[in-house]
N, C-alpha and C. Protein backbone atom coordinates (compact mmCIF):
# COMPACT_ATOMS: atom_id res chain seq x y z
N MET A 1 160.27 170.79 -11.47
CA MET A 1 161.18 170.14 -10.53
C MET A 1 162.61 170.53 -10.89
N ASP A 2 163.36 170.98 -9.94
CA ASP A 2 164.76 171.32 -10.13
C ASP A 2 165.57 170.03 -10.08
N SER A 3 166.19 169.68 -11.20
CA SER A 3 166.86 168.39 -11.30
C SER A 3 168.10 168.29 -10.41
N LEU A 4 168.55 169.39 -9.84
CA LEU A 4 169.69 169.32 -8.94
C LEU A 4 169.28 169.00 -7.51
N HIS A 5 167.99 168.87 -7.26
CA HIS A 5 167.50 168.54 -5.92
C HIS A 5 166.70 167.24 -6.01
N LEU A 6 167.42 166.15 -6.02
CA LEU A 6 166.79 164.84 -6.08
C LEU A 6 166.72 164.25 -4.69
N ASP A 7 165.60 163.60 -4.39
CA ASP A 7 165.54 162.89 -3.12
C ASP A 7 166.51 161.72 -3.20
N PRO A 8 166.93 161.18 -2.06
CA PRO A 8 167.95 160.12 -2.06
C PRO A 8 167.61 158.92 -2.95
N ASN A 9 166.34 158.54 -3.01
CA ASN A 9 165.93 157.40 -3.83
C ASN A 9 166.12 157.70 -5.32
N ARG A 10 165.65 158.86 -5.76
CA ARG A 10 165.79 159.21 -7.19
C ARG A 10 167.26 159.45 -7.55
N LEU A 11 168.04 160.01 -6.63
CA LEU A 11 169.46 160.18 -6.88
C LEU A 11 170.13 158.83 -7.10
N ARG A 12 169.81 157.88 -6.25
CA ARG A 12 170.39 156.53 -6.38
C ARG A 12 169.98 155.89 -7.71
N ILE A 13 168.73 156.07 -8.11
CA ILE A 13 168.26 155.53 -9.39
C ILE A 13 169.06 156.15 -10.54
N CYS A 14 169.24 157.46 -10.51
CA CYS A 14 170.00 158.13 -11.57
C CYS A 14 171.45 157.65 -11.60
N LEU A 15 172.07 157.54 -10.45
CA LEU A 15 173.46 157.08 -10.40
C LEU A 15 173.58 155.64 -10.89
N ARG A 16 172.62 154.80 -10.54
CA ARG A 16 172.63 153.42 -11.03
C ARG A 16 172.49 153.37 -12.54
N ALA A 17 171.61 154.21 -13.09
CA ALA A 17 171.41 154.24 -14.54
C ALA A 17 172.68 154.71 -15.24
N VAL A 18 173.33 155.73 -14.68
CA VAL A 18 174.58 156.22 -15.27
C VAL A 18 175.66 155.15 -15.18
N LYS A 19 175.71 154.44 -14.07
CA LYS A 19 176.70 153.37 -13.94
C LYS A 19 176.46 152.28 -14.98
N THR A 20 175.21 152.06 -15.35
CA THR A 20 174.89 151.08 -16.38
C THR A 20 175.61 151.41 -17.68
N VAL A 21 175.66 152.71 -18.01
CA VAL A 21 176.39 153.14 -19.21
C VAL A 21 177.88 152.87 -19.03
N ALA A 22 178.40 153.21 -17.85
CA ALA A 22 179.83 153.01 -17.59
C ALA A 22 180.21 151.54 -17.72
N LEU A 23 179.34 150.65 -17.30
CA LEU A 23 179.63 149.21 -17.34
C LEU A 23 179.38 148.58 -18.71
N SER A 24 178.66 149.27 -19.56
CA SER A 24 178.20 148.66 -20.81
C SER A 24 179.33 148.23 -21.75
N ASP A 25 180.50 148.85 -21.64
CA ASP A 25 181.62 148.45 -22.50
C ASP A 25 182.49 147.38 -21.85
N GLY A 26 182.05 146.87 -20.70
CA GLY A 26 182.76 145.77 -20.05
C GLY A 26 183.74 146.19 -18.97
N THR A 27 183.96 147.49 -18.81
CA THR A 27 184.88 147.96 -17.77
C THR A 27 184.25 149.13 -17.02
N PHE A 28 184.67 149.29 -15.78
CA PHE A 28 184.26 150.44 -14.98
C PHE A 28 185.54 151.25 -14.76
N ASP A 29 185.82 152.10 -15.72
CA ASP A 29 187.05 152.90 -15.74
C ASP A 29 187.12 153.79 -14.50
N ASP A 30 188.33 154.04 -14.03
CA ASP A 30 188.52 154.88 -12.85
C ASP A 30 187.96 156.29 -13.06
N ARG A 31 188.07 156.81 -14.28
CA ARG A 31 187.51 158.15 -14.55
C ARG A 31 185.99 158.14 -14.45
N GLU A 32 185.38 157.05 -14.88
CA GLU A 32 183.92 156.93 -14.76
C GLU A 32 183.52 156.84 -13.29
N ARG A 33 184.27 156.06 -12.52
CA ARG A 33 183.98 155.94 -11.09
C ARG A 33 184.11 157.28 -10.39
N ARG A 34 185.19 158.00 -10.68
CA ARG A 34 185.39 159.30 -10.04
C ARG A 34 184.29 160.29 -10.43
N LEU A 35 183.83 160.23 -11.69
CA LEU A 35 182.73 161.10 -12.13
C LEU A 35 181.46 160.79 -11.34
N LEU A 36 181.12 159.51 -11.20
CA LEU A 36 179.93 159.14 -10.43
C LEU A 36 180.06 159.52 -8.97
N ASP A 37 181.23 159.31 -8.40
CA ASP A 37 181.43 159.69 -7.00
C ASP A 37 181.31 161.20 -6.82
N ALA A 38 181.85 161.97 -7.76
CA ALA A 38 181.74 163.44 -7.67
C ALA A 38 180.29 163.88 -7.79
N ALA A 39 179.55 163.27 -8.71
CA ALA A 39 178.13 163.62 -8.86
C ALA A 39 177.36 163.25 -7.60
N ALA A 40 177.66 162.10 -7.03
CA ALA A 40 176.98 161.68 -5.80
C ALA A 40 177.25 162.67 -4.67
N ARG A 41 178.51 163.09 -4.52
CA ARG A 41 178.85 164.07 -3.46
C ARG A 41 178.16 165.41 -3.72
N ALA A 42 178.14 165.85 -4.97
CA ALA A 42 177.56 167.16 -5.30
C ALA A 42 176.04 167.17 -5.11
N LEU A 43 175.39 166.05 -5.34
CA LEU A 43 173.93 166.01 -5.31
C LEU A 43 173.34 165.47 -4.01
N THR A 44 174.19 164.98 -3.12
CA THR A 44 173.71 164.47 -1.84
C THR A 44 173.56 165.64 -0.87
N PRO A 45 172.43 165.74 -0.20
CA PRO A 45 172.23 166.84 0.75
C PRO A 45 173.29 166.83 1.85
N PRO A 46 173.67 168.01 2.34
CA PRO A 46 174.65 168.09 3.43
C PRO A 46 174.19 167.25 4.63
N GLY A 47 175.13 166.55 5.20
CA GLY A 47 174.82 165.71 6.35
C GLY A 47 174.51 164.28 5.99
N ASP A 48 174.11 164.02 4.75
CA ASP A 48 173.84 162.65 4.29
C ASP A 48 175.12 162.07 3.69
N THR A 49 175.22 160.77 3.69
CA THR A 49 176.37 160.09 3.10
C THR A 49 176.07 159.76 1.65
N PRO A 50 176.92 160.24 0.73
CA PRO A 50 176.67 159.93 -0.69
C PRO A 50 176.95 158.46 -0.98
N PRO A 51 176.21 157.88 -1.92
CA PRO A 51 176.47 156.49 -2.29
C PRO A 51 177.85 156.36 -2.94
N ASP A 52 178.49 155.23 -2.72
CA ASP A 52 179.78 154.93 -3.34
C ASP A 52 179.50 154.30 -4.70
N ALA A 53 180.12 154.83 -5.74
CA ALA A 53 179.87 154.35 -7.10
C ALA A 53 180.14 152.85 -7.24
N ARG A 54 181.12 152.34 -6.50
CA ARG A 54 181.44 150.92 -6.61
C ARG A 54 180.31 150.03 -6.10
N SER A 55 179.49 150.55 -5.20
CA SER A 55 178.42 149.73 -4.61
C SER A 55 177.12 149.78 -5.40
N LEU A 56 177.06 150.64 -6.39
CA LEU A 56 175.82 150.79 -7.16
C LEU A 56 175.65 149.65 -8.16
N GLU A 57 174.42 149.15 -8.25
CA GLU A 57 174.11 148.10 -9.22
C GLU A 57 173.58 148.74 -10.49
N ALA A 58 173.74 148.04 -11.60
CA ALA A 58 173.20 148.52 -12.87
C ALA A 58 171.67 148.55 -12.80
N MET A 59 171.07 149.30 -13.69
CA MET A 59 169.61 149.45 -13.69
C MET A 59 169.13 149.41 -15.14
N ASN A 60 168.00 148.79 -15.38
CA ASN A 60 167.53 148.73 -16.76
C ASN A 60 166.66 149.94 -17.12
N PRO A 61 166.53 150.23 -18.40
CA PRO A 61 165.80 151.43 -18.83
C PRO A 61 164.34 151.45 -18.38
N GLN A 62 163.67 150.31 -18.39
CA GLN A 62 162.26 150.29 -18.02
C GLN A 62 162.05 150.61 -16.54
N GLU A 63 162.91 150.05 -15.68
CA GLU A 63 162.85 150.38 -14.24
C GLU A 63 163.07 151.87 -14.02
N THR A 64 164.03 152.40 -14.75
CA THR A 64 164.37 153.81 -14.63
C THR A 64 163.20 154.68 -15.06
N ALA A 65 162.59 154.34 -16.18
CA ALA A 65 161.46 155.12 -16.69
C ALA A 65 160.28 155.08 -15.73
N ALA A 66 160.06 153.94 -15.10
CA ALA A 66 158.96 153.83 -14.15
C ALA A 66 159.21 154.69 -12.90
N ALA A 67 160.47 154.84 -12.53
CA ALA A 67 160.81 155.55 -11.30
C ALA A 67 160.97 157.06 -11.50
N LEU A 68 161.33 157.46 -12.71
CA LEU A 68 161.58 158.88 -12.97
C LEU A 68 160.52 159.42 -13.93
N THR A 69 159.63 160.23 -13.42
CA THR A 69 158.55 160.75 -14.26
C THR A 69 158.75 162.20 -14.67
N ASP A 70 159.62 162.92 -13.97
CA ASP A 70 159.85 164.33 -14.26
C ASP A 70 160.64 164.48 -15.56
N PRO A 71 160.09 165.21 -16.56
CA PRO A 71 160.79 165.35 -17.85
C PRO A 71 162.19 165.97 -17.73
N GLU A 72 162.36 166.96 -16.88
CA GLU A 72 163.68 167.60 -16.74
C GLU A 72 164.70 166.63 -16.17
N THR A 73 164.31 165.85 -15.19
CA THR A 73 165.22 164.86 -14.61
C THR A 73 165.61 163.83 -15.67
N ARG A 74 164.66 163.42 -16.48
CA ARG A 74 164.93 162.46 -17.54
C ARG A 74 165.96 163.01 -18.54
N ILE A 75 165.78 164.27 -18.94
CA ILE A 75 166.72 164.90 -19.88
C ILE A 75 168.11 164.99 -19.26
N ARG A 76 168.17 165.46 -18.01
CA ARG A 76 169.47 165.61 -17.33
C ARG A 76 170.16 164.25 -17.17
N LEU A 77 169.38 163.21 -16.96
CA LEU A 77 169.96 161.87 -16.83
C LEU A 77 170.62 161.44 -18.14
N ILE A 78 169.94 161.63 -19.26
CA ILE A 78 170.53 161.26 -20.56
C ILE A 78 171.79 162.09 -20.81
N GLN A 79 171.76 163.36 -20.46
CA GLN A 79 172.95 164.20 -20.63
C GLN A 79 174.11 163.71 -19.77
N ALA A 80 173.81 163.29 -18.55
CA ALA A 80 174.84 162.73 -17.67
C ALA A 80 175.41 161.44 -18.26
N MET A 81 174.57 160.66 -18.89
CA MET A 81 175.03 159.43 -19.54
C MET A 81 175.98 159.75 -20.69
N LEU A 82 175.67 160.79 -21.45
CA LEU A 82 176.54 161.18 -22.56
C LEU A 82 177.92 161.59 -22.04
N ILE A 83 177.97 162.34 -20.97
CA ILE A 83 179.24 162.75 -20.37
C ILE A 83 180.01 161.52 -19.90
N THR A 84 179.30 160.59 -19.30
CA THR A 84 179.95 159.37 -18.80
C THR A 84 180.56 158.57 -19.95
N ALA A 85 179.87 158.51 -21.08
CA ALA A 85 180.40 157.78 -22.23
C ALA A 85 181.67 158.42 -22.76
N LEU A 86 181.80 159.72 -22.60
CA LEU A 86 182.96 160.45 -23.13
C LEU A 86 184.13 160.55 -22.16
N ILE A 87 183.87 160.39 -20.86
CA ILE A 87 184.87 160.72 -19.84
C ILE A 87 186.13 159.88 -19.93
N ASP A 88 186.03 158.65 -20.41
CA ASP A 88 187.23 157.80 -20.48
C ASP A 88 187.99 157.96 -21.79
N GLY A 89 187.52 158.86 -22.66
CA GLY A 89 188.23 159.13 -23.91
C GLY A 89 187.88 158.21 -25.05
N GLU A 90 187.02 157.24 -24.80
CA GLU A 90 186.61 156.31 -25.85
C GLU A 90 185.11 156.09 -25.77
N VAL A 91 184.46 156.10 -26.92
CA VAL A 91 183.03 155.83 -26.98
C VAL A 91 182.87 154.47 -27.66
N SER A 92 182.10 153.59 -27.04
CA SER A 92 181.89 152.26 -27.62
C SER A 92 180.47 152.14 -28.17
N ASP A 93 180.31 151.17 -29.07
CA ASP A 93 178.96 150.87 -29.58
C ASP A 93 178.03 150.54 -28.43
N ALA A 94 178.53 149.78 -27.47
CA ALA A 94 177.71 149.36 -26.33
C ALA A 94 177.21 150.56 -25.54
N GLU A 95 178.07 151.56 -25.34
CA GLU A 95 177.65 152.76 -24.62
C GLU A 95 176.56 153.50 -25.38
N TYR A 96 176.75 153.65 -26.68
CA TYR A 96 175.73 154.32 -27.51
C TYR A 96 174.40 153.57 -27.43
N VAL A 97 174.44 152.26 -27.62
CA VAL A 97 173.22 151.44 -27.61
C VAL A 97 172.52 151.55 -26.26
N THR A 98 173.30 151.54 -25.18
CA THR A 98 172.72 151.64 -23.83
C THR A 98 172.04 152.98 -23.63
N ILE A 99 172.72 154.06 -24.00
CA ILE A 99 172.13 155.39 -23.83
C ILE A 99 170.88 155.53 -24.70
N LYS A 100 170.93 155.02 -25.91
CA LYS A 100 169.77 155.08 -26.82
C LYS A 100 168.59 154.31 -26.21
N ALA A 101 168.85 153.17 -25.61
CA ALA A 101 167.78 152.40 -24.98
C ALA A 101 167.15 153.18 -23.82
N PHE A 102 167.98 153.84 -23.02
CA PHE A 102 167.45 154.66 -21.93
C PHE A 102 166.67 155.85 -22.49
N ALA A 103 167.21 156.52 -23.50
CA ALA A 103 166.52 157.67 -24.09
C ALA A 103 165.16 157.26 -24.63
N ASP A 104 165.10 156.12 -25.30
CA ASP A 104 163.83 155.63 -25.84
C ASP A 104 162.84 155.31 -24.71
N ALA A 105 163.31 154.61 -23.69
CA ALA A 105 162.42 154.24 -22.58
C ALA A 105 161.93 155.47 -21.82
N LEU A 106 162.79 156.49 -21.71
CA LEU A 106 162.43 157.71 -20.97
C LEU A 106 161.68 158.71 -21.84
N GLY A 107 161.59 158.45 -23.14
CA GLY A 107 160.91 159.36 -24.04
C GLY A 107 161.68 160.66 -24.23
N VAL A 108 163.01 160.57 -24.22
CA VAL A 108 163.86 161.76 -24.35
C VAL A 108 164.47 161.79 -25.75
N ASP A 109 164.24 162.90 -26.44
CA ASP A 109 164.85 163.13 -27.75
C ASP A 109 166.00 164.10 -27.54
N GLU A 110 167.19 163.56 -27.33
CA GLU A 110 168.38 164.36 -27.04
C GLU A 110 169.23 164.45 -28.30
N PRO A 111 169.32 165.64 -28.92
CA PRO A 111 170.08 165.77 -30.16
C PRO A 111 171.56 165.44 -30.03
N ARG A 112 172.11 165.58 -28.84
CA ARG A 112 173.53 165.27 -28.63
C ARG A 112 173.83 163.78 -28.78
N LEU A 113 172.80 162.96 -28.72
CA LEU A 113 172.98 161.52 -28.94
C LEU A 113 173.45 161.28 -30.37
N CYS A 114 172.97 162.09 -31.31
CA CYS A 114 173.43 162.02 -32.70
C CYS A 114 174.91 162.37 -32.77
N ASN A 115 175.34 163.36 -31.98
CA ASN A 115 176.76 163.73 -31.95
C ASN A 115 177.61 162.58 -31.42
N LEU A 116 177.10 161.86 -30.42
CA LEU A 116 177.83 160.71 -29.90
C LEU A 116 177.99 159.65 -30.99
N LYS A 117 176.94 159.45 -31.76
CA LYS A 117 177.00 158.48 -32.88
C LYS A 117 178.03 158.93 -33.91
N GLN A 118 178.14 160.24 -34.15
CA GLN A 118 179.15 160.74 -35.08
C GLN A 118 180.56 160.48 -34.56
N ILE A 119 180.77 160.66 -33.28
CA ILE A 119 182.08 160.38 -32.67
C ILE A 119 182.38 158.89 -32.82
N LEU A 120 181.40 158.08 -32.53
CA LEU A 120 181.56 156.63 -32.61
C LEU A 120 181.94 156.20 -34.02
N GLY A 121 181.31 156.81 -35.01
CA GLY A 121 181.60 156.47 -36.40
C GLY A 121 182.79 157.19 -36.98
N GLU A 122 183.49 157.93 -36.12
CA GLU A 122 184.65 158.72 -36.52
C GLU A 122 184.31 159.70 -37.64
N HIS A 123 183.12 160.25 -37.58
CA HIS A 123 182.69 161.27 -38.53
C HIS A 123 182.92 162.64 -37.91
N THR A 124 184.18 162.94 -37.63
CA THR A 124 184.48 164.17 -36.90
C THR A 124 184.19 165.42 -37.71
N MET A 125 184.34 165.35 -39.03
CA MET A 125 184.00 166.53 -39.84
C MET A 125 182.50 166.81 -39.78
N LEU A 126 181.69 165.76 -39.87
CA LEU A 126 180.24 165.94 -39.74
C LEU A 126 179.90 166.51 -38.37
N LEU A 127 180.58 166.02 -37.35
CA LEU A 127 180.35 166.51 -35.99
C LEU A 127 180.69 168.00 -35.91
N LYS A 128 181.83 168.38 -36.46
CA LYS A 128 182.22 169.80 -36.42
C LYS A 128 181.21 170.68 -37.15
N PHE A 129 180.76 170.25 -38.32
CA PHE A 129 179.77 171.02 -39.06
C PHE A 129 178.46 171.12 -38.29
N ASP A 130 178.06 170.00 -37.70
CA ASP A 130 176.81 169.99 -36.94
C ASP A 130 176.90 170.93 -35.74
N LEU A 131 178.01 170.89 -35.04
CA LEU A 131 178.18 171.77 -33.86
C LEU A 131 178.26 173.23 -34.29
N MET A 132 178.95 173.51 -35.38
CA MET A 132 179.03 174.90 -35.86
C MET A 132 177.64 175.42 -36.26
N ARG A 133 176.86 174.55 -36.90
CA ARG A 133 175.54 174.92 -37.36
C ARG A 133 174.62 175.26 -36.17
N LYS A 134 174.78 174.55 -35.07
CA LYS A 134 173.92 174.72 -33.91
C LYS A 134 174.43 175.78 -32.94
N SER A 135 175.68 176.20 -33.10
CA SER A 135 176.26 177.16 -32.16
C SER A 135 175.90 178.58 -32.55
N PRO A 136 175.63 179.42 -31.55
CA PRO A 136 175.37 180.83 -31.87
C PRO A 136 176.65 181.50 -32.37
N MET A 137 176.48 182.39 -33.31
CA MET A 137 177.64 183.11 -33.84
C MET A 137 178.01 184.22 -32.88
N ILE A 138 179.29 184.39 -32.66
CA ILE A 138 179.76 185.44 -31.73
C ILE A 138 180.14 186.68 -32.50
């Protein structure tokens, strides 16, 4: 399944799950809203109206796991959540915990979640070493 071609129902589920991360720190930052709106516009088929991020309700990990069975879509969703946690320039414990709960429920082992934890713990040197170790040498 090509994760960039979601039917309207699965797209709405993904956007709701991502909004859950955005709301987890107690605020829905304008940068987070604009990111969700941009994703909705990019992934909505031409001629259809994309959902407005402000109207989306939060979604729990178990509901999301039941609705999304495709492994690639699940991975892309966790990656979108990671971007959402970073977009406002601050990563909170609540955002990390929320993404981890979704990753566990979806059965996704995303190594970048460890990098998010390093940012959260202000272990930037560890993060740099980890990224250098995983990056191909040019």
